[in-house]
Amino acid sequence: MNAEQIKALIESGLACAHCDVQGDGRHWYATVVSAAFAGKRLIARHQMVYATLGDRMKTDEVHALSMKTYTPAEWAQGGATHG
């Protein structure tokens, strides 16, 4: 998998105002901004992103994914402390 493929999976499963994925081929870092995160706790936000990847996390196609998740309002304010 490459960054563009992971980004496309996230964007196809979650309405994103912004999505950026970077990494080295095994360890990935994503910044995801979505209105769907409103009112959700950090764990729920991460689960929503992981769900877009389906079994790719289990089969090691995506070895590790760290992420920052924001609502559009949080993102507009320069980000919040959401991981």
N, C-alpha and C. Protein backbone atom coordinates (compact mmCIF):
# COMPACT_ATOMS: atom_id res chain seq x y z
N MET A 1 0.86 -1.18 0.00
CA MET A 1 0.00 0.00 0.00
C MET A 1 0.90 1.24 0.00
N ASN A 2 0.40 2.27 -0.64
CA ASN A 2 1.11 3.54 -0.59
C ASN A 2 0.19 4.59 0.01
N ALA A 3 0.73 5.79 0.23
CA ALA A 3 -0.03 6.85 0.90
C ALA A 3 -1.31 7.21 0.15
N GLU A 4 -1.23 7.28 -1.18
CA GLU A 4 -2.41 7.64 -1.96
C GLU A 4 -3.51 6.58 -1.86
N GLN A 5 -3.12 5.32 -1.81
CA GLN A 5 -4.12 4.24 -1.68
C GLN A 5 -4.79 4.30 -0.32
N ILE A 6 -4.02 4.53 0.73
CA ILE A 6 -4.60 4.62 2.07
C ILE A 6 -5.51 5.83 2.16
N LYS A 7 -5.06 6.96 1.63
CA LYS A 7 -5.89 8.17 1.62
C LYS A 7 -7.20 7.92 0.88
N ALA A 8 -7.13 7.26 -0.26
CA ALA A 8 -8.34 6.97 -1.04
C ALA A 8 -9.30 6.08 -0.26
N LEU A 9 -8.79 5.10 0.46
CA LEU A 9 -9.65 4.23 1.28
C LEU A 9 -10.34 5.03 2.37
N ILE A 10 -9.59 5.88 3.05
CA ILE A 10 -10.17 6.68 4.13
C ILE A 10 -11.25 7.59 3.56
N GLU A 11 -10.93 8.27 2.45
CA GLU A 11 -11.88 9.22 1.87
C GLU A 11 -13.11 8.52 1.28
N SER A 12 -12.96 7.29 0.84
CA SER A 12 -14.12 6.58 0.28
C SER A 12 -15.06 6.09 1.37
N GLY A 13 -14.55 5.93 2.58
CA GLY A 13 -15.39 5.44 3.67
C GLY A 13 -15.82 6.48 4.67
N LEU A 14 -15.27 7.69 4.54
CA LEU A 14 -15.54 8.74 5.52
C LEU A 14 -15.52 10.08 4.80
N ALA A 15 -16.56 10.86 4.97
CA ALA A 15 -16.61 12.18 4.34
C ALA A 15 -15.57 13.08 5.01
N CYS A 16 -14.53 13.40 4.29
CA CYS A 16 -13.42 14.17 4.85
C CYS A 16 -13.37 15.58 4.27
N ALA A 17 -13.16 16.55 5.15
CA ALA A 17 -12.90 17.91 4.71
C ALA A 17 -11.42 18.05 4.37
N HIS A 18 -10.59 17.20 4.99
CA HIS A 18 -9.15 17.18 4.74
C HIS A 18 -8.63 15.80 5.13
N CYS A 19 -7.73 15.27 4.34
CA CYS A 19 -7.11 14.00 4.67
C CYS A 19 -5.70 14.01 4.09
N ASP A 20 -4.73 13.76 4.95
CA ASP A 20 -3.33 13.71 4.52
C ASP A 20 -2.72 12.45 5.12
N VAL A 21 -2.04 11.66 4.29
CA VAL A 21 -1.39 10.43 4.75
C VAL A 21 0.06 10.46 4.30
N GLN A 22 0.94 10.18 5.24
CA GLN A 22 2.37 10.10 4.95
C GLN A 22 2.93 8.88 5.67
N GLY A 23 4.06 8.38 5.19
CA GLY A 23 4.68 7.25 5.86
C GLY A 23 5.81 6.66 5.06
N ASP A 24 6.32 5.56 5.56
CA ASP A 24 7.50 4.93 4.98
C ASP A 24 7.22 3.58 4.33
N GLY A 25 5.96 3.26 4.15
CA GLY A 25 5.61 1.98 3.55
C GLY A 25 5.12 0.96 4.57
N ARG A 26 5.44 1.16 5.83
CA ARG A 26 4.96 0.28 6.91
C ARG A 26 4.29 1.08 8.01
N HIS A 27 4.85 2.22 8.35
CA HIS A 27 4.31 3.06 9.41
C HIS A 27 3.73 4.32 8.77
N TRP A 28 2.44 4.53 9.03
CA TRP A 28 1.71 5.61 8.38
C TRP A 28 1.21 6.61 9.40
N TYR A 29 1.08 7.86 8.96
CA TYR A 29 0.62 8.96 9.79
C TYR A 29 -0.46 9.70 9.02
N ALA A 30 -1.65 9.78 9.60
CA ALA A 30 -2.77 10.41 8.91
C ALA A 30 -3.32 11.57 9.73
N THR A 31 -3.69 12.63 9.03
CA THR A 31 -4.45 13.72 9.61
C THR A 31 -5.79 13.71 8.89
N VAL A 32 -6.85 13.52 9.66
CA VAL A 32 -8.18 13.38 9.08
C VAL A 32 -9.12 14.40 9.72
N VAL A 33 -9.78 15.17 8.87
CA VAL A 33 -10.76 16.16 9.33
C VAL A 33 -12.11 15.77 8.76
N SER A 34 -13.08 15.56 9.65
CA SER A 34 -14.41 15.14 9.20
C SER A 34 -15.48 15.65 10.15
N ALA A 35 -16.57 16.11 9.58
CA ALA A 35 -17.71 16.53 10.39
C ALA A 35 -18.31 15.34 11.14
N ALA A 36 -18.06 14.13 10.64
CA ALA A 36 -18.59 12.92 11.28
C ALA A 36 -17.98 12.71 12.67
N PHE A 37 -16.89 13.38 12.97
CA PHE A 37 -16.25 13.25 14.28
C PHE A 37 -16.92 14.08 15.37
N ALA A 38 -17.81 14.97 15.00
CA ALA A 38 -18.47 15.86 15.97
C ALA A 38 -19.16 15.04 17.05
N GLY A 39 -18.86 15.38 18.29
CA GLY A 39 -19.48 14.71 19.43
C GLY A 39 -18.91 13.34 19.73
N LYS A 40 -17.91 12.90 18.99
CA LYS A 40 -17.32 11.57 19.20
C LYS A 40 -16.05 11.66 20.06
N ARG A 41 -15.85 10.67 20.88
CA ARG A 41 -14.63 10.58 21.66
C ARG A 41 -13.49 10.11 20.77
N LEU A 42 -12.29 10.29 21.23
CA LEU A 42 -11.10 9.96 20.47
C LEU A 42 -11.12 8.52 19.96
N ILE A 43 -11.46 7.57 20.81
CA ILE A 43 -11.45 6.16 20.42
C ILE A 43 -12.47 5.90 19.30
N ALA A 44 -13.62 6.54 19.39
CA ALA A 44 -14.64 6.36 18.35
C ALA A 44 -14.16 6.95 17.02
N ARG A 45 -13.48 8.07 17.07
CA ARG A 45 -12.94 8.67 15.85
C ARG A 45 -11.94 7.72 15.20
N HIS A 46 -11.03 7.19 16.00
CA HIS A 46 -10.03 6.27 15.47
C HIS A 46 -10.68 5.01 14.90
N GLN A 47 -11.69 4.50 15.58
CA GLN A 47 -12.39 3.32 15.08
C GLN A 47 -13.05 3.61 13.73
N MET A 48 -13.55 4.81 13.56
CA MET A 48 -14.18 5.19 12.30
C MET A 48 -13.15 5.17 11.16
N VAL A 49 -11.95 5.67 11.44
CA VAL A 49 -10.90 5.67 10.42
C VAL A 49 -10.44 4.24 10.15
N TYR A 50 -10.19 3.47 11.21
CA TYR A 50 -9.77 2.08 11.02
C TYR A 50 -10.80 1.29 10.21
N ALA A 51 -12.07 1.58 10.42
CA ALA A 51 -13.13 0.86 9.69
C ALA A 51 -13.01 1.08 8.18
N THR A 52 -12.50 2.24 7.76
CA THR A 52 -12.35 2.49 6.32
C THR A 52 -11.29 1.61 5.70
N LEU A 53 -10.39 1.09 6.51
CA LEU A 53 -9.30 0.25 6.01
C LEU A 53 -9.66 -1.23 5.99
N GLY A 54 -10.78 -1.56 6.61
CA GLY A 54 -11.25 -2.95 6.60
C GLY A 54 -10.22 -3.90 7.18
N ASP A 55 -10.01 -5.02 6.52
CA ASP A 55 -9.08 -6.05 7.02
C ASP A 55 -7.62 -5.74 6.75
N ARG A 56 -7.34 -4.63 6.12
CA ARG A 56 -5.95 -4.32 5.77
C ARG A 56 -5.05 -4.16 6.98
N MET A 57 -5.62 -3.77 8.12
CA MET A 57 -4.83 -3.69 9.35
C MET A 57 -4.55 -5.10 9.88
N LYS A 58 -5.51 -6.00 9.75
CA LYS A 58 -5.35 -7.36 10.25
C LYS A 58 -4.41 -8.19 9.39
N THR A 59 -4.40 -7.91 8.08
CA THR A 59 -3.57 -8.70 7.17
C THR A 59 -2.18 -8.10 7.00
N ASP A 60 -1.89 -7.02 7.71
CA ASP A 60 -0.59 -6.36 7.70
C ASP A 60 -0.31 -5.58 6.41
N GLU A 61 -1.33 -5.38 5.56
CA GLU A 61 -1.13 -4.49 4.41
C GLU A 61 -0.83 -3.08 4.91
N VAL A 62 -1.47 -2.71 6.01
CA VAL A 62 -1.17 -1.46 6.71
C VAL A 62 -0.67 -1.88 8.08
N HIS A 63 0.64 -1.83 8.26
CA HIS A 63 1.24 -2.34 9.49
C HIS A 63 0.88 -1.48 10.70
N ALA A 64 1.02 -0.16 10.57
CA ALA A 64 0.74 0.73 11.69
C ALA A 64 0.22 2.06 11.16
N LEU A 65 -0.79 2.59 11.82
CA LEU A 65 -1.36 3.87 11.44
C LEU A 65 -1.55 4.73 12.68
N SER A 66 -0.82 5.84 12.73
CA SER A 66 -1.03 6.84 13.78
C SER A 66 -1.87 7.93 13.16
N MET A 67 -2.71 8.54 13.95
CA MET A 67 -3.57 9.56 13.35
C MET A 67 -3.90 10.69 14.30
N LYS A 68 -4.20 11.82 13.69
CA LYS A 68 -4.77 12.98 14.36
C LYS A 68 -6.13 13.17 13.73
N THR A 69 -7.15 13.31 14.53
CA THR A 69 -8.52 13.44 14.02
C THR A 69 -9.13 14.73 14.55
N TYR A 70 -9.76 15.47 13.66
CA TYR A 70 -10.35 16.76 14.00
C TYR A 70 -11.71 16.93 13.35
N THR A 71 -12.56 17.70 14.00
CA THR A 71 -13.77 18.19 13.33
C THR A 71 -13.32 19.40 12.50
N PRO A 72 -14.12 19.84 11.55
CA PRO A 72 -13.75 21.04 10.80
C PRO A 72 -13.54 22.27 11.70
N ALA A 73 -14.34 22.40 12.75
CA ALA A 73 -14.19 23.55 13.66
C ALA A 73 -12.86 23.47 14.41
N GLU A 74 -12.50 22.28 14.88
CA GLU A 74 -11.21 22.10 15.57
C GLU A 74 -10.05 22.40 14.62
N TRP A 75 -10.17 21.92 13.39
CA TRP A 75 -9.13 22.13 12.39
C TRP A 75 -8.98 23.63 12.07
N ALA A 76 -10.12 24.33 11.97
CA ALA A 76 -10.09 25.77 11.68
C ALA A 76 -9.42 26.56 12.78
N GLN A 77 -9.49 26.04 14.00
CA GLN A 77 -8.88 26.71 15.15
C GLN A 77 -7.42 26.32 15.31
N GLY A 78 -6.87 25.64 14.32
CA GLY A 78 -5.47 25.24 14.40
C GLY A 78 -5.27 23.87 15.01
N GLY A 79 -6.33 23.10 15.09
CA GLY A 79 -6.23 21.76 15.66
C GLY A 79 -6.46 21.79 17.15
N ALA A 80 -6.82 20.67 17.66
CA ALA A 80 -7.05 20.53 19.09
C ALA A 80 -6.13 19.43 19.60
N THR A 81 -6.36 18.96 20.76
CA THR A 81 -5.50 17.93 21.34
C THR A 81 -5.98 16.53 20.99
N HIS A 82 -6.85 16.42 20.01
CA HIS A 82 -7.34 15.10 19.62
C HIS A 82 -6.24 14.36 18.88
N GLY A 83 -6.06 13.09 19.30
CA GLY A 83 -5.02 12.28 18.66
C GLY A 83 -5.52 11.57 17.45
